[in-house]
Amino acid sequence: MTSATKPLNPKRFEDFIRHMTALVESLGDDEPALLDAAEPLLGDLIRSDDWLPERFARPSEQSYRQYLLYCDPMQRFSVLSFVWQPGQMTPVHDHTVWGLVGVMRGEERCEEYVATGGGRLPRKSGEHALPCGAIDRVSPRIGDVHRVSNAGRGTAISIHVYGADIGTTTRHVFDESTGAVKDFVSGYNNGEQAPLLVATKAR
């Protein structure tokens, strides 16, 4: 049973945001400690599929969708839901900030790349499956370039946490046929829809 067919528990997401905010405030720029502390919080969130409203879980035939669920008022972190139809995938891309990816429904696959520098195409270094409940980490420090796809037969949903307002962050995509590197800003697919939880403005 998914969140579309049973009563929602919004407090679960509110508690996650409260704990993430406390971590960011207490650990600051200590990325290793922050990732270590945040990963079990994300694990608890994706373990209970009873809090994500259907409007943030809608797939599209055209491409995967990324919905903003929350952005910290000082843009220290953001939380998104990614929704994928079978076979949909990202381009090879980077993030430029730390991130956590937790699979809540379905199964995804991550292809890993190593940046070669000099504006050249990264080198593929491996790939791994991300079954439901799995969590991946990314950052320039530990590995920041990958391609992600829906590896299953149904809709997949993953929850992403990034160390910035990722939808407004300038990042890079890598063209595998030409080797070209291009700047991009992903934006969000919310349209006129507000995030799941709206942050209180910073003073």
N, C-alpha and C. Protein backbone atom coordinates (compact mmCIF):
# COMPACT_ATOMS: atom_id res chain seq x y z
N MET A 1 0.85 -1.19 0.00
CA MET A 1 0.00 0.00 0.00
C MET A 1 0.88 1.24 0.00
N THR A 2 0.58 2.21 -0.85
CA THR A 2 1.37 3.42 -0.97
C THR A 2 0.62 4.59 -0.38
N SER A 3 1.30 5.76 -0.38
CA SER A 3 0.70 6.95 0.20
C SER A 3 -0.52 7.42 -0.56
N ALA A 4 -0.72 6.92 -1.81
CA ALA A 4 -1.89 7.33 -2.58
C ALA A 4 -3.14 6.62 -2.12
N THR A 5 -3.00 5.52 -1.33
CA THR A 5 -4.17 4.72 -0.97
C THR A 5 -4.37 4.60 0.53
N LYS A 6 -3.62 5.33 1.33
CA LYS A 6 -3.82 5.28 2.76
C LYS A 6 -3.59 6.66 3.36
N PRO A 7 -4.09 6.91 4.56
CA PRO A 7 -3.91 8.23 5.17
C PRO A 7 -2.44 8.60 5.27
N LEU A 8 -2.16 9.87 5.04
CA LEU A 8 -0.79 10.34 5.08
C LEU A 8 -0.37 10.70 6.50
N ASN A 9 0.93 10.61 6.73
CA ASN A 9 1.51 10.96 8.02
C ASN A 9 2.51 12.10 7.80
N PRO A 10 2.04 13.36 7.66
CA PRO A 10 2.95 14.46 7.36
C PRO A 10 3.99 14.71 8.44
N LYS A 11 3.72 14.29 9.67
CA LYS A 11 4.66 14.52 10.75
C LYS A 11 6.00 13.81 10.49
N ARG A 12 5.95 12.71 9.75
CA ARG A 12 7.19 11.98 9.48
C ARG A 12 8.18 12.86 8.71
N PHE A 13 7.68 13.55 7.69
CA PHE A 13 8.55 14.43 6.91
C PHE A 13 8.94 15.66 7.73
N GLU A 14 8.02 16.21 8.50
CA GLU A 14 8.33 17.36 9.34
C GLU A 14 9.43 17.03 10.33
N ASP A 15 9.38 15.83 10.92
CA ASP A 15 10.43 15.42 11.85
C ASP A 15 11.77 15.27 11.14
N PHE A 16 11.74 14.74 9.92
CA PHE A 16 12.98 14.60 9.16
C PHE A 16 13.61 15.97 8.92
N ILE A 17 12.82 16.95 8.53
CA ILE A 17 13.34 18.29 8.27
C ILE A 17 13.87 18.92 9.55
N ARG A 18 13.19 18.72 10.63
CA ARG A 18 13.64 19.26 11.91
C ARG A 18 15.00 18.68 12.30
N HIS A 19 15.16 17.36 12.14
CA HIS A 19 16.43 16.72 12.50
C HIS A 19 17.54 17.12 11.52
N MET A 20 17.22 17.22 10.23
CA MET A 20 18.22 17.64 9.25
C MET A 20 18.70 19.06 9.53
N THR A 21 17.77 19.93 9.89
CA THR A 21 18.14 21.31 10.21
C THR A 21 19.09 21.35 11.40
N ALA A 22 18.80 20.54 12.40
CA ALA A 22 19.66 20.49 13.58
C ALA A 22 21.06 19.98 13.21
N LEU A 23 21.13 18.99 12.33
CA LEU A 23 22.43 18.47 11.91
C LEU A 23 23.24 19.52 11.17
N VAL A 24 22.59 20.21 10.24
CA VAL A 24 23.30 21.22 9.46
C VAL A 24 23.80 22.34 10.37
N GLU A 25 22.99 22.70 11.35
CA GLU A 25 23.39 23.77 12.27
C GLU A 25 24.52 23.34 13.18
N SER A 26 24.53 22.09 13.60
CA SER A 26 25.54 21.65 14.56
C SER A 26 26.84 21.20 13.89
N LEU A 27 26.74 20.62 12.67
CA LEU A 27 27.93 20.06 12.03
C LEU A 27 28.53 20.98 10.97
N GLY A 28 27.76 21.93 10.50
CA GLY A 28 28.28 22.93 9.57
C GLY A 28 28.92 22.32 8.34
N ASP A 29 30.19 22.62 8.12
CA ASP A 29 30.91 22.18 6.93
C ASP A 29 31.62 20.84 7.10
N ASP A 30 31.37 20.14 8.18
CA ASP A 30 31.99 18.83 8.40
C ASP A 30 31.21 17.79 7.59
N GLU A 31 31.53 17.73 6.29
CA GLU A 31 30.75 16.87 5.40
C GLU A 31 30.75 15.40 5.79
N PRO A 32 31.89 14.78 6.11
CA PRO A 32 31.85 13.37 6.49
C PRO A 32 30.92 13.10 7.67
N ALA A 33 31.00 13.92 8.70
CA ALA A 33 30.14 13.74 9.87
C ALA A 33 28.68 13.97 9.51
N LEU A 34 28.44 14.97 8.66
CA LEU A 34 27.06 15.28 8.27
C LEU A 34 26.44 14.13 7.49
N LEU A 35 27.17 13.57 6.53
CA LEU A 35 26.65 12.44 5.77
C LEU A 35 26.42 11.23 6.65
N ASP A 36 27.35 10.96 7.56
CA ASP A 36 27.20 9.83 8.47
C ASP A 36 25.95 9.97 9.33
N ALA A 37 25.67 11.18 9.77
CA ALA A 37 24.51 11.40 10.65
C ALA A 37 23.21 11.48 9.88
N ALA A 38 23.26 12.00 8.64
CA ALA A 38 22.03 12.19 7.87
C ALA A 38 21.56 10.91 7.21
N GLU A 39 22.47 10.01 6.89
CA GLU A 39 22.06 8.79 6.18
C GLU A 39 21.02 7.97 6.95
N PRO A 40 21.19 7.71 8.25
CA PRO A 40 20.15 6.96 8.96
C PRO A 40 18.83 7.72 9.05
N LEU A 41 18.87 9.05 9.07
CA LEU A 41 17.62 9.82 9.06
C LEU A 41 16.87 9.59 7.76
N LEU A 42 17.60 9.63 6.64
CA LEU A 42 16.96 9.37 5.35
C LEU A 42 16.48 7.93 5.27
N GLY A 43 17.25 7.01 5.83
CA GLY A 43 16.82 5.62 5.85
C GLY A 43 15.50 5.43 6.57
N ASP A 44 15.34 6.10 7.70
CA ASP A 44 14.07 6.03 8.43
C ASP A 44 12.93 6.62 7.61
N LEU A 45 13.21 7.71 6.89
CA LEU A 45 12.16 8.37 6.12
C LEU A 45 11.67 7.48 4.99
N ILE A 46 12.57 6.88 4.23
CA ILE A 46 12.15 6.09 3.07
C ILE A 46 11.64 4.71 3.47
N ARG A 47 11.90 4.30 4.68
CA ARG A 47 11.42 3.00 5.16
C ARG A 47 9.91 3.00 5.36
N SER A 48 9.34 4.17 5.60
CA SER A 48 7.89 4.30 5.85
C SER A 48 7.28 5.10 4.70
N ASP A 49 6.63 4.40 3.81
CA ASP A 49 6.06 5.02 2.61
C ASP A 49 4.63 5.47 2.90
N ASP A 50 4.51 6.43 3.82
CA ASP A 50 3.17 6.86 4.22
C ASP A 50 3.07 8.38 4.36
N TRP A 51 3.98 9.12 3.73
CA TRP A 51 4.03 10.56 3.98
C TRP A 51 4.07 11.40 2.70
N LEU A 52 4.40 10.80 1.56
CA LEU A 52 4.56 11.57 0.32
C LEU A 52 3.23 11.68 -0.41
N PRO A 53 2.69 12.90 -0.56
CA PRO A 53 1.42 13.06 -1.28
C PRO A 53 1.54 12.65 -2.75
N GLU A 54 0.43 12.23 -3.30
CA GLU A 54 0.41 11.74 -4.68
C GLU A 54 0.90 12.79 -5.67
N ARG A 55 0.67 14.07 -5.39
CA ARG A 55 1.07 15.12 -6.34
C ARG A 55 2.58 15.22 -6.48
N PHE A 56 3.33 14.70 -5.52
CA PHE A 56 4.79 14.68 -5.61
C PHE A 56 5.31 13.32 -6.05
N ALA A 57 4.41 12.45 -6.50
CA ALA A 57 4.80 11.10 -6.93
C ALA A 57 4.30 10.81 -8.34
N ARG A 58 3.92 11.85 -9.08
CA ARG A 58 3.36 11.66 -10.42
C ARG A 58 4.49 11.54 -11.45
N PRO A 59 4.48 10.46 -12.22
CA PRO A 59 5.47 10.32 -13.29
C PRO A 59 5.02 11.06 -14.55
N SER A 60 5.90 11.11 -15.52
CA SER A 60 5.61 11.70 -16.83
C SER A 60 6.13 10.78 -17.91
N GLU A 61 5.42 10.69 -19.02
CA GLU A 61 5.88 9.87 -20.14
C GLU A 61 7.09 10.50 -20.82
N GLN A 62 7.25 11.84 -20.67
CA GLN A 62 8.32 12.53 -21.39
C GLN A 62 9.69 12.36 -20.73
N SER A 63 9.74 12.41 -19.41
CA SER A 63 11.02 12.36 -18.71
C SER A 63 10.77 12.12 -17.23
N TYR A 64 11.84 11.80 -16.50
CA TYR A 64 11.72 11.72 -15.05
C TYR A 64 11.32 13.09 -14.51
N ARG A 65 10.76 13.12 -13.32
CA ARG A 65 10.34 14.36 -12.69
C ARG A 65 11.06 14.53 -11.37
N GLN A 66 11.42 15.79 -11.04
CA GLN A 66 12.02 16.10 -9.74
C GLN A 66 11.22 17.22 -9.10
N TYR A 67 10.63 16.89 -7.96
CA TYR A 67 9.75 17.81 -7.25
C TYR A 67 10.45 18.31 -5.98
N LEU A 68 10.45 19.61 -5.81
CA LEU A 68 11.00 20.18 -4.58
C LEU A 68 10.02 19.93 -3.44
N LEU A 69 10.51 19.28 -2.39
CA LEU A 69 9.70 19.04 -1.19
C LEU A 69 10.00 20.06 -0.10
N TYR A 70 11.25 20.50 -0.02
CA TYR A 70 11.64 21.47 1.00
C TYR A 70 12.97 22.09 0.61
N CYS A 71 13.10 23.39 0.88
CA CYS A 71 14.39 24.06 0.77
C CYS A 71 14.63 24.88 2.03
N ASP A 72 15.75 24.63 2.66
CA ASP A 72 16.13 25.38 3.85
C ASP A 72 16.13 26.88 3.53
N PRO A 73 15.66 27.72 4.46
CA PRO A 73 15.58 29.17 4.16
C PRO A 73 16.91 29.81 3.86
N MET A 74 18.02 29.21 4.32
CA MET A 74 19.34 29.73 4.00
C MET A 74 20.03 28.89 2.92
N GLN A 75 19.24 28.02 2.25
CA GLN A 75 19.71 27.18 1.14
C GLN A 75 20.87 26.27 1.55
N ARG A 76 20.88 25.85 2.81
CA ARG A 76 21.91 24.94 3.26
C ARG A 76 21.63 23.50 2.83
N PHE A 77 20.37 23.18 2.57
CA PHE A 77 20.03 21.87 2.03
C PHE A 77 18.64 21.93 1.39
N SER A 78 18.38 21.00 0.51
CA SER A 78 17.07 20.86 -0.11
C SER A 78 16.72 19.38 -0.18
N VAL A 79 15.42 19.10 -0.27
CA VAL A 79 14.92 17.73 -0.32
C VAL A 79 13.97 17.60 -1.51
N LEU A 80 14.16 16.57 -2.32
CA LEU A 80 13.39 16.38 -3.54
C LEU A 80 12.85 14.97 -3.62
N SER A 81 11.77 14.79 -4.36
CA SER A 81 11.35 13.46 -4.80
C SER A 81 11.62 13.35 -6.30
N PHE A 82 12.30 12.30 -6.69
CA PHE A 82 12.52 11.98 -8.11
C PHE A 82 11.58 10.84 -8.47
N VAL A 83 10.86 11.00 -9.58
CA VAL A 83 9.87 10.01 -10.01
C VAL A 83 10.22 9.56 -11.42
N TRP A 84 10.34 8.26 -11.60
CA TRP A 84 10.84 7.69 -12.85
C TRP A 84 9.88 6.65 -13.41
N GLN A 85 9.64 6.69 -14.70
CA GLN A 85 9.01 5.60 -15.41
C GLN A 85 10.08 4.60 -15.81
N PRO A 86 9.69 3.35 -16.11
CA PRO A 86 10.70 2.36 -16.53
C PRO A 86 11.52 2.87 -17.72
N GLY A 87 12.83 2.70 -17.62
CA GLY A 87 13.73 3.07 -18.70
C GLY A 87 14.19 4.51 -18.71
N GLN A 88 13.57 5.37 -17.93
CA GLN A 88 13.99 6.77 -17.91
C GLN A 88 15.31 6.91 -17.17
N MET A 89 16.14 7.86 -17.61
CA MET A 89 17.45 8.04 -17.01
C MET A 89 17.89 9.49 -17.12
N THR A 90 18.84 9.85 -16.26
CA THR A 90 19.47 11.16 -16.33
C THR A 90 20.59 11.13 -17.36
N PRO A 91 21.07 12.28 -17.81
CA PRO A 91 22.36 12.31 -18.51
C PRO A 91 23.48 12.09 -17.49
N VAL A 92 24.68 11.90 -17.97
CA VAL A 92 25.84 11.89 -17.07
C VAL A 92 26.00 13.31 -16.54
N HIS A 93 26.05 13.45 -15.23
CA HIS A 93 26.04 14.78 -14.63
C HIS A 93 26.77 14.78 -13.30
N ASP A 94 27.07 16.00 -12.81
CA ASP A 94 27.63 16.15 -11.48
C ASP A 94 26.67 16.94 -10.61
N HIS A 95 27.09 17.23 -9.36
CA HIS A 95 26.23 17.90 -8.38
C HIS A 95 26.87 19.15 -7.78
N THR A 96 28.17 19.12 -7.61
CA THR A 96 29.00 20.20 -7.03
C THR A 96 28.81 20.38 -5.53
N VAL A 97 27.90 19.63 -4.91
CA VAL A 97 27.65 19.68 -3.47
C VAL A 97 27.42 18.25 -2.97
N TRP A 98 27.40 18.07 -1.65
CA TRP A 98 27.11 16.75 -1.11
C TRP A 98 25.65 16.38 -1.36
N GLY A 99 25.41 15.07 -1.42
CA GLY A 99 24.04 14.61 -1.61
C GLY A 99 23.84 13.20 -1.11
N LEU A 100 22.59 12.90 -0.78
CA LEU A 100 22.15 11.56 -0.41
C LEU A 100 20.95 11.20 -1.26
N VAL A 101 20.92 9.97 -1.75
CA VAL A 101 19.82 9.48 -2.59
C VAL A 101 19.29 8.20 -1.96
N GLY A 102 18.02 8.18 -1.58
CA GLY A 102 17.40 7.02 -0.97
C GLY A 102 16.23 6.53 -1.79
N VAL A 103 16.22 5.26 -2.17
CA VAL A 103 15.16 4.70 -3.01
C VAL A 103 13.99 4.26 -2.13
N MET A 104 12.83 4.87 -2.37
CA MET A 104 11.65 4.57 -1.55
C MET A 104 10.68 3.60 -2.24
N ARG A 105 10.62 3.64 -3.56
CA ARG A 105 9.78 2.70 -4.31
C ARG A 105 10.55 2.25 -5.55
N GLY A 106 10.41 0.98 -5.88
CA GLY A 106 11.02 0.47 -7.09
C GLY A 106 12.50 0.21 -6.94
N GLU A 107 13.22 0.29 -8.06
CA GLU A 107 14.65 0.00 -8.09
C GLU A 107 15.33 0.92 -9.10
N GLU A 108 16.50 1.40 -8.75
CA GLU A 108 17.26 2.26 -9.64
C GLU A 108 18.65 1.66 -9.88
N ARG A 109 19.32 2.22 -10.87
CA ARG A 109 20.70 1.81 -11.16
C ARG A 109 21.56 3.05 -11.27
N CYS A 110 22.75 2.99 -10.70
CA CYS A 110 23.69 4.11 -10.75
C CYS A 110 24.93 3.69 -11.52
N GLU A 111 25.28 4.45 -12.55
CA GLU A 111 26.53 4.26 -13.28
C GLU A 111 27.50 5.34 -12.82
N GLU A 112 28.66 4.91 -12.36
CA GLU A 112 29.64 5.81 -11.75
C GLU A 112 30.68 6.25 -12.78
N TYR A 113 31.08 7.51 -12.67
CA TYR A 113 32.09 8.07 -13.57
C TYR A 113 33.15 8.79 -12.74
N VAL A 114 34.36 8.82 -13.28
CA VAL A 114 35.47 9.53 -12.65
C VAL A 114 35.81 10.73 -13.51
N ALA A 115 35.77 11.92 -12.92
CA ALA A 115 36.10 13.13 -13.66
C ALA A 115 37.56 13.09 -14.09
N THR A 116 37.80 13.43 -15.36
CA THR A 116 39.17 13.42 -15.90
C THR A 116 39.75 14.82 -16.01
N GLY A 117 38.93 15.85 -15.83
CA GLY A 117 39.42 17.23 -15.85
C GLY A 117 39.65 17.74 -17.25
N GLY A 118 39.97 19.02 -17.34
CA GLY A 118 40.28 19.61 -18.62
C GLY A 118 39.12 19.69 -19.58
N GLY A 119 37.89 19.66 -19.05
CA GLY A 119 36.73 19.73 -19.91
C GLY A 119 36.50 18.47 -20.73
N ARG A 120 37.05 17.34 -20.28
CA ARG A 120 36.92 16.08 -21.02
C ARG A 120 35.84 15.21 -20.41
N LEU A 121 35.37 14.26 -21.22
CA LEU A 121 34.34 13.33 -20.78
C LEU A 121 34.85 12.47 -19.63
N PRO A 122 34.08 12.34 -18.54
CA PRO A 122 34.50 11.46 -17.45
C PRO A 122 34.59 10.00 -17.91
N ARG A 123 35.36 9.23 -17.19
CA ARG A 123 35.55 7.82 -17.50
C ARG A 123 34.63 6.99 -16.62
N LYS A 124 33.87 6.07 -17.25
CA LYS A 124 33.00 5.20 -16.47
C LYS A 124 33.84 4.24 -15.64
N SER A 125 33.50 4.15 -14.36
CA SER A 125 34.31 3.33 -13.45
C SER A 125 33.55 2.17 -12.84
N GLY A 126 32.25 2.08 -13.09
CA GLY A 126 31.47 0.98 -12.54
C GLY A 126 30.01 1.31 -12.49
N GLU A 127 29.23 0.40 -11.96
CA GLU A 127 27.80 0.64 -11.76
C GLU A 127 27.30 -0.27 -10.65
N HIS A 128 26.20 0.11 -10.06
CA HIS A 128 25.63 -0.71 -9.00
C HIS A 128 24.12 -0.52 -8.93
N ALA A 129 23.45 -1.55 -8.43
CA ALA A 129 22.00 -1.51 -8.28
C ALA A 129 21.63 -0.78 -6.99
N LEU A 130 20.50 -0.10 -7.03
CA LEU A 130 19.94 0.56 -5.86
C LEU A 130 18.54 0.02 -5.64
N PRO A 131 18.41 -1.08 -4.89
CA PRO A 131 17.08 -1.61 -4.60
C PRO A 131 16.33 -0.72 -3.62
N CYS A 132 15.07 -1.00 -3.44
CA CYS A 132 14.27 -0.23 -2.50
C CYS A 132 14.92 -0.25 -1.12
N GLY A 133 15.10 0.93 -0.53
CA GLY A 133 15.73 1.06 0.77
C GLY A 133 17.20 1.41 0.71
N ALA A 134 17.81 1.31 -0.47
CA ALA A 134 19.24 1.61 -0.60
C ALA A 134 19.48 3.12 -0.59
N ILE A 135 20.66 3.52 -0.12
CA ILE A 135 21.04 4.93 -0.06
C ILE A 135 22.42 5.10 -0.68
N ASP A 136 22.56 6.07 -1.55
CA ASP A 136 23.83 6.42 -2.17
C ASP A 136 24.29 7.78 -1.67
N ARG A 137 25.61 8.01 -1.74
CA ARG A 137 26.19 9.30 -1.40
C ARG A 137 26.92 9.87 -2.61
N VAL A 138 26.89 11.19 -2.74
CA VAL A 138 27.68 11.88 -3.77
C VAL A 138 28.28 13.14 -3.16
N SER A 139 29.40 13.57 -3.71
CA SER A 139 29.98 14.88 -3.42
C SER A 139 31.28 14.98 -4.21
N PRO A 140 31.78 16.19 -4.44
CA PRO A 140 33.08 16.31 -5.12
C PRO A 140 34.20 15.59 -4.38
N ARG A 141 34.04 15.41 -3.07
CA ARG A 141 35.08 14.78 -2.27
C ARG A 141 35.13 13.27 -2.46
N ILE A 142 33.97 12.63 -2.60
CA ILE A 142 33.92 11.17 -2.63
C ILE A 142 33.52 10.59 -3.99
N GLY A 143 33.14 11.43 -4.92
CA GLY A 143 32.67 10.97 -6.23
C GLY A 143 31.38 11.67 -6.56
N ASP A 144 31.39 12.45 -7.65
CA ASP A 144 30.29 13.39 -7.89
C ASP A 144 29.63 13.23 -9.25
N VAL A 145 30.15 12.33 -10.10
CA VAL A 145 29.62 12.21 -11.45
C VAL A 145 28.97 10.84 -11.62
N HIS A 146 27.72 10.85 -12.08
CA HIS A 146 27.03 9.58 -12.30
C HIS A 146 25.87 9.75 -13.27
N ARG A 147 25.28 8.62 -13.63
CA ARG A 147 24.02 8.59 -14.35
C ARG A 147 23.11 7.63 -13.62
N VAL A 148 21.87 8.03 -13.41
CA VAL A 148 20.91 7.22 -12.65
C VAL A 148 19.73 6.90 -13.54
N SER A 149 19.19 5.69 -13.40
CA SER A 149 18.04 5.28 -14.20
C SER A 149 17.11 4.40 -13.39
N ASN A 150 15.89 4.27 -13.86
CA ASN A 150 14.93 3.33 -13.30
C ASN A 150 15.27 1.95 -13.84
N ALA A 151 15.62 1.04 -12.96
CA ALA A 151 16.05 -0.29 -13.38
C ALA A 151 14.95 -1.33 -13.27
N GLY A 152 13.74 -0.91 -12.86
CA GLY A 152 12.67 -1.87 -12.66
C GLY A 152 11.60 -1.79 -13.74
N ARG A 153 10.47 -2.45 -13.47
CA ARG A 153 9.37 -2.50 -14.43
C ARG A 153 8.24 -1.56 -14.09
N GLY A 154 8.29 -0.95 -12.92
CA GLY A 154 7.25 -0.01 -12.51
C GLY A 154 7.85 1.34 -12.19
N THR A 155 7.00 2.23 -11.73
CA THR A 155 7.45 3.56 -11.34
C THR A 155 8.40 3.46 -10.14
N ALA A 156 9.49 4.20 -10.20
CA ALA A 156 10.43 4.27 -9.08
C ALA A 156 10.40 5.67 -8.51
N ILE A 157 10.56 5.76 -7.19
CA ILE A 157 10.62 7.05 -6.51
C ILE A 157 11.80 7.04 -5.54
N SER A 158 12.64 8.05 -5.65
CA SER A 158 13.74 8.21 -4.70
C SER A 158 13.68 9.59 -4.08
N ILE A 159 14.16 9.68 -2.85
CA ILE A 159 14.20 10.94 -2.10
C ILE A 159 15.65 11.39 -2.05
N HIS A 160 15.88 12.64 -2.50
CA HIS A 160 17.23 13.19 -2.61
C HIS A 160 17.39 14.35 -1.63
N VAL A 161 18.53 14.39 -0.97
CA VAL A 161 18.88 15.48 -0.07
C VAL A 161 20.21 16.05 -0.55
N TYR A 162 20.26 17.35 -0.80
CA TYR A 162 21.47 17.99 -1.30
C TYR A 162 21.88 19.16 -0.42
N GLY A 163 23.17 19.46 -0.44
CA GLY A 163 23.70 20.54 0.39
C GLY A 163 23.60 21.91 -0.24
N ALA A 164 22.50 22.18 -0.91
CA ALA A 164 22.23 23.48 -1.54
C ALA A 164 20.80 23.43 -2.06
N ASP A 165 20.32 24.56 -2.58
CA ASP A 165 19.07 24.56 -3.34
C ASP A 165 19.44 24.02 -4.72
N ILE A 166 19.37 22.71 -4.87
CA ILE A 166 19.98 22.05 -6.03
C ILE A 166 19.31 22.47 -7.34
N GLY A 167 18.06 22.83 -7.31
CA GLY A 167 17.37 23.23 -8.53
C GLY A 167 17.81 24.55 -9.09
N THR A 168 18.53 25.35 -8.29
CA THR A 168 19.04 26.64 -8.76
C THR A 168 20.57 26.66 -8.83
N THR A 169 21.19 25.50 -8.61
CA THR A 169 22.65 25.40 -8.60
C THR A 169 23.17 25.09 -10.01
N THR A 170 24.17 25.82 -10.45
CA THR A 170 24.78 25.55 -11.75
C THR A 170 25.66 24.31 -11.66
N ARG A 171 25.35 23.33 -12.49
CA ARG A 171 26.09 22.07 -12.50
C ARG A 171 26.54 21.75 -13.93
N HIS A 172 26.88 20.48 -14.18
CA HIS A 172 27.43 20.13 -15.49
C HIS A 172 26.85 18.82 -15.99
N VAL A 173 26.59 18.77 -17.28
CA VAL A 173 26.24 17.52 -17.96
C VAL A 173 27.32 17.22 -18.98
N PHE A 174 27.51 15.93 -19.25
CA PHE A 174 28.60 15.47 -20.11
C PHE A 174 28.00 14.70 -21.28
N ASP A 175 28.26 15.17 -22.49
CA ASP A 175 27.74 14.54 -23.71
C ASP A 175 28.65 13.38 -24.09
N GLU A 176 28.11 12.17 -24.03
CA GLU A 176 28.93 10.98 -24.28
C GLU A 176 29.36 10.85 -25.74
N SER A 177 28.59 11.43 -26.66
CA SER A 177 28.94 11.29 -28.07
C SER A 177 30.01 12.29 -28.51
N THR A 178 30.00 13.48 -27.91
CA THR A 178 30.96 14.51 -28.33
C THR A 178 32.01 14.82 -27.26
N GLY A 179 31.74 14.42 -26.02
CA GLY A 179 32.65 14.75 -24.93
C GLY A 179 32.47 16.15 -24.39
N ALA A 180 31.48 16.87 -24.94
CA ALA A 180 31.26 18.26 -24.52
C ALA A 180 30.74 18.33 -23.09
N VAL A 181 31.18 19.35 -22.38
CA VAL A 181 30.72 19.63 -21.03
C VAL A 181 29.89 20.90 -21.07
N LYS A 182 28.68 20.84 -20.55
CA LYS A 182 27.80 21.99 -20.58
C LYS A 182 27.28 22.32 -19.19
N ASP A 183 27.17 23.61 -18.89
CA ASP A 183 26.52 24.03 -17.66
C ASP A 183 25.03 23.77 -17.77
N PHE A 184 24.41 23.44 -16.63
CA PHE A 184 22.95 23.34 -16.61
C PHE A 184 22.44 23.65 -15.22
N VAL A 185 21.21 24.12 -15.17
CA VAL A 185 20.47 24.34 -13.92
C VAL A 185 19.19 23.54 -14.04
N SER A 186 18.99 22.58 -13.16
CA SER A 186 17.92 21.60 -13.35
C SER A 186 16.52 22.16 -13.15
N GLY A 187 16.38 23.13 -12.24
CA GLY A 187 15.04 23.58 -11.89
C GLY A 187 14.25 22.48 -11.22
N TYR A 188 12.94 22.70 -11.10
CA TYR A 188 12.04 21.72 -10.49
C TYR A 188 10.80 21.57 -11.36
N ASN A 189 10.07 20.48 -11.16
CA ASN A 189 8.85 20.23 -11.91
C ASN A 189 7.59 20.54 -11.11
N ASN A 190 7.71 21.40 -10.10
CA ASN A 190 6.55 21.73 -9.28
C ASN A 190 5.51 22.55 -10.02
N GLY A 191 5.91 23.32 -11.03
CA GLY A 191 4.98 24.25 -11.66
C GLY A 191 4.55 25.30 -10.65
N GLU A 192 3.26 25.48 -10.52
CA GLU A 192 2.72 26.44 -9.54
C GLU A 192 2.56 25.82 -8.16
N GLN A 193 2.91 24.58 -8.03
CA GLN A 193 2.70 23.85 -6.78
C GLN A 193 3.78 24.18 -5.76
N ALA A 194 3.37 24.55 -4.57
CA ALA A 194 4.32 24.85 -3.49
C ALA A 194 4.99 23.56 -3.02
N PRO A 195 6.18 23.67 -2.41
CA PRO A 195 6.81 22.48 -1.83
C PRO A 195 5.92 21.83 -0.78
N LEU A 196 6.25 20.62 -0.44
CA LEU A 196 5.50 19.90 0.59
C LEU A 196 5.52 20.63 1.91
N LEU A 197 6.70 21.17 2.26
CA LEU A 197 6.85 21.91 3.49
C LEU A 197 7.55 23.21 3.14
N VAL A 198 6.94 24.33 3.47
CA VAL A 198 7.49 25.64 3.13
C VAL A 198 8.30 26.15 4.30
N ALA A 199 9.56 26.52 4.03
CA ALA A 199 10.45 26.96 5.09
C ALA A 199 10.06 28.35 5.60
N THR A 200 10.30 28.57 6.86
CA THR A 200 10.17 29.91 7.43
C THR A 200 11.36 30.74 6.97
N LYS A 201 11.12 31.93 6.53
CA LYS A 201 12.20 32.76 6.01
C LYS A 201 13.23 33.05 7.09
N ALA A 202 14.50 33.03 6.66
CA ALA A 202 15.57 33.33 7.59
C ALA A 202 15.50 34.79 8.03
N ARG A 203 15.86 35.04 9.25
CA ARG A 203 15.83 36.42 9.76
C ARG A 203 17.00 37.23 9.22
